[in-house]
């Protein structure tokens, strides 16, 4: 087989197709680049040899540049080869743009790649948004149990995609902040905060007022989760998690269940976001509907 001619044909076909069938160009482009990657691996004598010998790619790049013009540098051809190899190892081949996959090619964990592929699909992430998620180590901040569920394609629950820690943009010039300052920082970027919590969260109100006896209390942030059909009470603490924090949020959750929740809603859950966790409080005050995480200001 003349591998060079086959590669050139795939790339020419792709350029022609992009001009006449724009609506499906992502799918066609990925198929062509996958084929080019496969041909490059075969031309270099298989996957093992392909890792070490780039002389052939340099030669193909030089000839393609002369015959087809700019755009086929050695780096571009190496990406196509790498694209083929990660798909062979189990990465999801979806109709993302090639630019999305270029970002993902920098990752070395197939499970991590598949996580971000699903995020791009489910949340319609732009390349810039994907790059930012990767930069903030979103996958690494998932609990190991969540990662195991993703690998095994098991059902998830509302707590699975809460990040540990939650990343919050610091709008102040100090790390010594009050709970009010922390809440303001969250509200300044509420969409990012909801994404940090996971999927299906919608904002209802901050400082949500409830009346307990003859006194008013205020829930820091009240959310509703559309996917899991329940209210979500969020309490913010700039200290270590304490046992009284558990009692406080349980009081608020019970109020929402009794006075706000409709009969078709699931039971309210609580999320405590604190500066430091406390394994003893978590261990001895365990509640199935209360989740804890920490925050980090950046």
Protein backbone atom coordinates (compact mmCIF):
# COMPACT_ATOMS: atom_id res chain seq x y z
CA UNK A 1 0.00 0.00 0.00
CA UNK A 2 1.17 3.52 -0.77
CA UNK A 3 0.44 5.04 2.64
CA UNK A 4 1.33 8.57 1.60
CA UNK A 5 -1.17 8.59 -1.29
CA UNK A 6 -3.89 7.14 0.96
CA UNK A 7 -3.26 9.82 3.59
CA UNK A 8 -3.30 12.59 0.97
CA UNK A 9 -6.59 11.26 -0.42
CA UNK A 10 -8.22 11.31 3.05
CA UNK A 11 -7.11 14.89 3.64
CA UNK A 12 -8.22 16.10 0.20
CA UNK A 13 -11.62 14.45 0.67
CA UNK A 14 -11.96 16.21 4.01
CA UNK A 15 -11.18 19.64 2.55
CA UNK A 16 -13.76 19.12 -0.21
CA UNK A 17 -16.42 17.82 2.18
CA UNK A 18 -16.02 20.76 4.57
CA UNK A 19 -16.95 23.13 1.76
CA UNK A 20 -20.12 21.39 0.60
CA UNK A 21 -21.62 19.65 3.65
CA UNK A 22 -21.07 21.98 6.57
CA UNK A 23 -23.89 20.52 8.68
CA UNK A 24 -22.02 17.26 9.28
CA UNK A 25 -18.42 18.35 8.82
CA UNK A 26 -17.39 17.49 12.40
CA UNK A 27 -18.32 13.83 11.96
CA UNK A 28 -16.67 13.59 8.56
CA UNK A 29 -13.55 15.44 9.69
CA UNK A 30 -13.06 13.15 12.69
CA UNK A 31 -13.50 10.08 10.51
CA UNK A 32 -10.86 11.33 8.07
CA UNK A 33 -8.40 12.23 10.84
CA UNK A 34 -9.00 8.85 12.48
CA UNK A 35 -8.23 7.16 9.16
CA UNK A 36 -5.10 9.27 8.68
CA UNK A 37 -3.95 8.37 12.19
CA UNK A 38 -4.52 4.70 11.48
CA UNK A 39 -2.54 4.89 8.23
CA UNK A 40 0.31 6.70 9.96
CA UNK A 41 0.54 4.00 12.64
CA UNK A 42 0.49 1.26 10.02
CA UNK A 43 3.05 3.08 7.87
CA UNK A 44 5.38 3.31 10.85
CA UNK A 45 5.12 -0.42 11.50
CA UNK A 46 2.49 -0.51 14.26
CA UNK A 47 1.77 1.24 17.56
CA UNK A 48 5.03 0.34 19.33
CA UNK A 49 7.27 1.65 16.58
CA UNK A 50 4.99 4.65 15.96
CA UNK A 51 5.86 5.97 19.43
CA UNK A 52 9.52 6.31 18.58
CA UNK A 53 9.87 7.04 14.88
CA UNK A 54 8.78 10.45 13.64
CA UNK A 55 11.02 10.61 10.59
CA UNK A 56 8.25 9.33 8.32
CA UNK A 57 5.80 11.91 9.67
CA UNK A 58 8.30 14.69 8.98
CA UNK A 59 8.68 13.45 5.41
CA UNK A 60 4.90 13.20 4.88
CA UNK A 61 4.44 16.66 6.36
CA UNK A 62 6.98 18.15 3.99
CA UNK A 63 5.35 16.56 0.93
CA UNK A 64 1.77 17.42 2.02
CA UNK A 65 2.77 21.04 2.59
CA UNK A 66 4.20 21.22 -0.93
CA UNK A 67 1.19 19.52 -2.57
CA UNK A 68 -1.75 20.67 -0.39
CA UNK A 69 -0.49 23.84 1.28
CA UNK A 70 -0.14 24.84 4.92
CA UNK A 71 -1.95 23.07 7.73
CA UNK A 72 -0.25 19.69 7.79
CA UNK A 73 2.72 20.24 10.06
CA UNK A 74 4.39 17.39 11.90
CA UNK A 75 2.50 18.46 15.05
CA UNK A 76 -0.86 18.21 13.26
CA UNK A 77 -0.06 14.76 11.86
CA UNK A 78 1.12 13.58 15.28
CA UNK A 79 -2.21 14.70 16.75
CA UNK A 80 -4.07 12.63 14.16
CA UNK A 81 -1.93 9.63 15.05
CA UNK A 82 -2.58 10.20 18.75
CA UNK A 83 -6.31 10.62 18.07
CA UNK A 84 -6.43 7.19 16.46
CA UNK A 85 -4.49 5.63 19.34
CA UNK A 86 -6.72 7.02 22.12
CA UNK A 87 -9.87 5.86 20.31
CA UNK A 88 -8.31 2.41 20.02
CA UNK A 89 -7.67 2.46 23.78
CA UNK A 90 -11.31 3.21 24.61
CA UNK A 91 -11.84 6.95 24.33
CA UNK A 92 -15.34 7.88 23.19
CA UNK A 93 -15.63 8.86 19.54
CA UNK A 94 -18.39 11.44 19.45
CA UNK A 95 -19.34 14.34 17.17
CA UNK A 96 -17.23 16.89 18.99
CA UNK A 97 -15.21 19.33 16.95
CA UNK A 98 -11.60 18.54 16.18
CA UNK A 99 -10.66 21.57 18.32
CA UNK A 100 -12.33 19.89 21.32
CA UNK A 101 -10.36 16.72 20.74
CA UNK A 102 -7.10 18.65 20.42
CA UNK A 103 -7.65 19.81 24.02
CA UNK A 104 -8.41 16.25 25.13
CA UNK A 105 -5.34 14.80 23.43
CA UNK A 106 -3.20 16.46 26.11
CA UNK A 107 -4.73 14.16 28.74
CA UNK A 108 -3.26 10.73 29.39
CA UNK A 109 -6.19 9.05 31.15
CA UNK A 110 -8.91 7.48 28.98
CA UNK A 111 -11.48 7.69 31.80
CA UNK A 112 -10.72 11.39 32.20
CA UNK A 113 -11.07 11.95 28.46
CA UNK A 114 -14.43 10.18 28.40
CA UNK A 115 -15.64 12.27 31.33
CA UNK A 116 -14.91 15.51 29.48
CA UNK A 117 -16.38 14.17 26.23
CA UNK A 118 -19.66 13.56 28.09
CA UNK A 119 -19.50 17.02 29.69
CA UNK A 120 -19.06 18.66 26.27
CA UNK A 121 -22.04 16.70 24.91
CA UNK A 122 -24.38 17.12 27.89
CA UNK A 123 -23.57 20.75 28.63
CA UNK A 124 -22.73 21.93 25.10
CA UNK A 125 -19.35 23.26 26.22
CA UNK A 126 -17.34 25.49 23.93
CA UNK A 127 -13.64 24.79 23.45
CA UNK A 128 -12.82 27.65 25.83
CA UNK A 129 -15.18 26.26 28.49
CA UNK A 130 -13.71 22.77 28.10
CA UNK A 131 -10.19 24.17 28.44
CA UNK A 132 -11.20 25.96 31.62
CA UNK A 133 -12.76 22.81 33.11
CA UNK A 134 -9.54 20.92 32.44
CA UNK A 135 -7.45 23.78 33.85
CA UNK A 136 -9.43 23.67 37.09
CA UNK A 137 -8.90 19.88 37.38
CA UNK A 138 -12.62 19.19 37.46
CA UNK A 139 -12.26 15.44 36.98
CA UNK A 140 -9.60 15.16 39.70
CA UNK A 141 -11.95 16.88 42.16
CA UNK A 142 -14.58 14.16 41.86
CA UNK A 143 -14.73 11.51 44.57
CA UNK A 144 -13.22 8.15 43.65
CA UNK A 145 -16.61 6.51 44.10
CA UNK A 146 -18.01 8.79 41.39
CA UNK A 147 -15.15 7.93 39.04
CA UNK A 148 -15.81 4.23 39.62
CA UNK A 149 -19.50 4.73 38.77
CA UNK A 150 -18.58 6.51 35.54
CA UNK A 151 -16.23 3.70 34.51
CA UNK A 152 -18.90 1.07 35.21
CA UNK A 153 -21.75 3.21 33.75
CA UNK A 154 -23.68 2.93 37.01
CA UNK A 155 -26.54 5.22 38.03
CA UNK A 156 -25.45 8.36 39.85
CA UNK A 157 -27.06 10.42 42.59
CA UNK A 158 -27.24 14.10 43.37
CA UNK A 159 -24.00 14.14 45.36
CA UNK A 160 -21.80 12.36 42.85
CA UNK A 161 -20.75 15.41 40.85
CA UNK A 162 -20.21 17.82 43.74
CA UNK A 163 -16.57 18.84 43.43
CA UNK A 164 -14.05 18.48 46.27
CA UNK A 165 -13.14 21.25 46.77
CA UNK A 166 -15.59 23.72 45.22
CA UNK A 167 -13.66 26.37 43.26
CA UNK A 168 -14.86 29.93 43.90
CA UNK A 169 -13.46 33.01 42.20
CA UNK A 170 -12.01 35.38 44.76
CA UNK A 171 -13.44 38.84 44.09
CA UNK A 172 -11.64 40.25 47.12
CA UNK A 173 -7.97 41.02 47.74
CA UNK A 174 -7.77 38.77 50.78
CA UNK A 175 -8.19 35.15 51.76
CA UNK A 176 -9.53 36.18 55.17
CA UNK A 177 -13.20 36.44 54.24
CA UNK A 178 -16.48 36.34 56.12
CA UNK A 179 -19.47 34.15 55.30
CA UNK A 180 -21.16 37.17 53.76
CA UNK A 181 -18.15 37.79 51.51
CA UNK A 182 -18.08 34.10 50.52
CA UNK A 183 -21.76 34.25 49.63
CA UNK A 184 -21.28 37.42 47.58
CA UNK A 185 -18.41 35.80 45.68
CA UNK A 186 -20.67 32.85 44.85
CA UNK A 187 -23.56 35.07 43.76
CA UNK A 188 -21.24 37.08 41.50
CA UNK A 189 -20.62 33.89 39.51
CA UNK A 190 -23.71 31.84 40.31
CA UNK A 191 -23.63 29.85 37.07
CA UNK A 192 -20.09 28.66 37.76
CA UNK A 193 -21.11 27.72 41.28
CA UNK A 194 -24.05 25.64 40.07
CA UNK A 195 -21.72 23.82 37.68
CA UNK A 196 -19.34 23.11 40.55
CA UNK A 197 -22.20 21.42 42.41
CA UNK A 198 -23.03 19.15 39.48
CA UNK A 199 -26.03 18.78 37.22
CA UNK A 200 -29.61 19.97 37.40
CA UNK A 201 -29.15 22.71 40.01
CA UNK A 202 -31.16 25.93 39.66
CA UNK A 203 -31.00 29.04 41.83
CA UNK A 204 -34.04 30.14 43.86
CA UNK A 205 -32.85 32.75 46.37
CA UNK A 206 -30.10 33.76 48.74
CA UNK A 207 -30.95 34.70 52.32
CA UNK A 208 -34.19 32.72 51.99
CA UNK A 209 -36.29 33.75 54.98
CA UNK A 210 -38.11 31.16 57.11
CA UNK A 211 -39.95 31.65 60.40
CA UNK A 212 -39.20 29.29 63.27
CA UNK A 213 -41.51 30.11 66.15
CA UNK A 214 -41.42 33.86 66.63
CA UNK A 215 -37.99 34.33 65.03
CA UNK A 216 -36.84 34.60 61.44
CA UNK A 217 -33.93 32.55 60.13
CA UNK A 218 -32.17 32.85 56.79
CA UNK A 219 -31.00 30.00 54.58
CA UNK A 220 -27.74 31.05 52.90
CA UNK A 221 -28.72 29.75 49.45
CA UNK A 222 -31.81 27.82 48.41
CA UNK A 223 -31.66 25.79 45.18
CA UNK A 224 -33.83 23.28 43.38
CA UNK A 225 -32.48 20.31 41.50
CA UNK A 226 -34.54 19.62 38.40
CA UNK A 227 -33.03 16.22 37.65
CA UNK A 228 -33.54 14.83 41.15
CA UNK A 229 -36.75 16.83 41.82
CA UNK A 230 -35.87 18.21 45.22
CA UNK A 231 -35.03 21.41 47.10
CA UNK A 232 -31.42 21.94 48.10
CA UNK A 233 -30.40 23.91 51.19
CA UNK A 234 -26.83 25.26 50.97
CA UNK A 235 -25.07 26.57 54.06
CA UNK A 236 -21.68 28.33 53.92
CA UNK A 237 -19.07 28.18 56.67
CA UNK A 238 -15.65 29.85 56.68
CA UNK A 239 -14.51 27.55 59.51
CA UNK A 240 -14.02 23.85 60.03
CA UNK A 241 -17.18 21.74 59.89
CA UNK A 242 -18.80 21.56 63.34
CA UNK A 243 -21.55 19.40 64.78
CA UNK A 244 -23.83 22.42 65.24
CA UNK A 245 -23.65 23.04 61.47
CA UNK A 246 -25.27 19.64 60.94
CA UNK A 247 -28.05 20.49 63.39
CA UNK A 248 -28.65 23.87 61.77
CA UNK A 249 -28.97 22.57 58.22
CA UNK A 250 -31.20 19.68 59.36
CA UNK A 251 -33.53 22.23 60.94
CA UNK A 252 -33.73 24.17 57.67
CA UNK A 253 -34.23 21.00 55.60
CA UNK A 254 -37.07 19.86 57.85
CA UNK A 255 -38.73 23.26 57.52
CA UNK A 256 -38.57 23.11 53.71
CA UNK A 257 -39.97 19.57 53.73
CA UNK A 258 -42.87 20.57 55.97
CA UNK A 259 -43.79 23.98 54.57
CA UNK A 260 -42.39 24.36 51.03
CA UNK A 261 -41.96 20.93 49.44
CA UNK A 262 -44.84 19.64 47.32
CA UNK A 263 -46.14 16.09 47.56
CA UNK A 264 -44.51 15.18 44.23
CA UNK A 265 -41.07 16.43 45.32
CA UNK A 266 -38.38 14.23 46.82
CA UNK A 267 -37.02 15.00 50.27
CA UNK A 268 -34.87 18.10 50.63
CA UNK A 269 -31.11 17.64 50.73
CA UNK A 270 -28.48 19.80 52.39
CA UNK A 271 -25.00 20.80 51.27
CA UNK A 272 -22.54 22.33 53.73
CA UNK A 273 -19.61 24.13 52.13
CA UNK A 274 -16.91 24.79 54.70
CA UNK A 275 -13.28 25.86 54.81
CA UNK A 276 -12.04 22.59 56.31
CA UNK A 277 -13.73 19.25 56.73
CA UNK A 278 -13.86 17.30 59.98
CA UNK A 279 -13.81 13.53 59.65
CA UNK A 280 -15.16 12.99 63.16
CA UNK A 281 -18.19 15.21 62.64
CA UNK A 282 -18.83 13.52 59.31
CA UNK A 283 -18.47 10.09 60.89
CA UNK A 284 -20.68 10.61 63.93
CA UNK A 285 -23.25 13.02 62.48
CA UNK A 286 -23.76 11.09 59.26
CA UNK A 287 -27.02 11.80 57.43
CA UNK A 288 -27.97 10.36 54.03
CA UNK A 289 -29.41 13.69 52.85
CA UNK A 290 -26.57 15.95 54.00
CA UNK A 291 -23.39 16.34 51.97
CA UNK A 292 -20.21 18.18 52.80
CA UNK A 293 -17.45 19.69 50.74
CA UNK A 294 -14.82 22.36 51.12
CA UNK A 295 -14.13 25.48 49.07
CA UNK A 296 -11.01 27.00 47.56
CA UNK A 297 -10.68 30.63 46.50
CA UNK A 298 -8.72 31.29 43.31
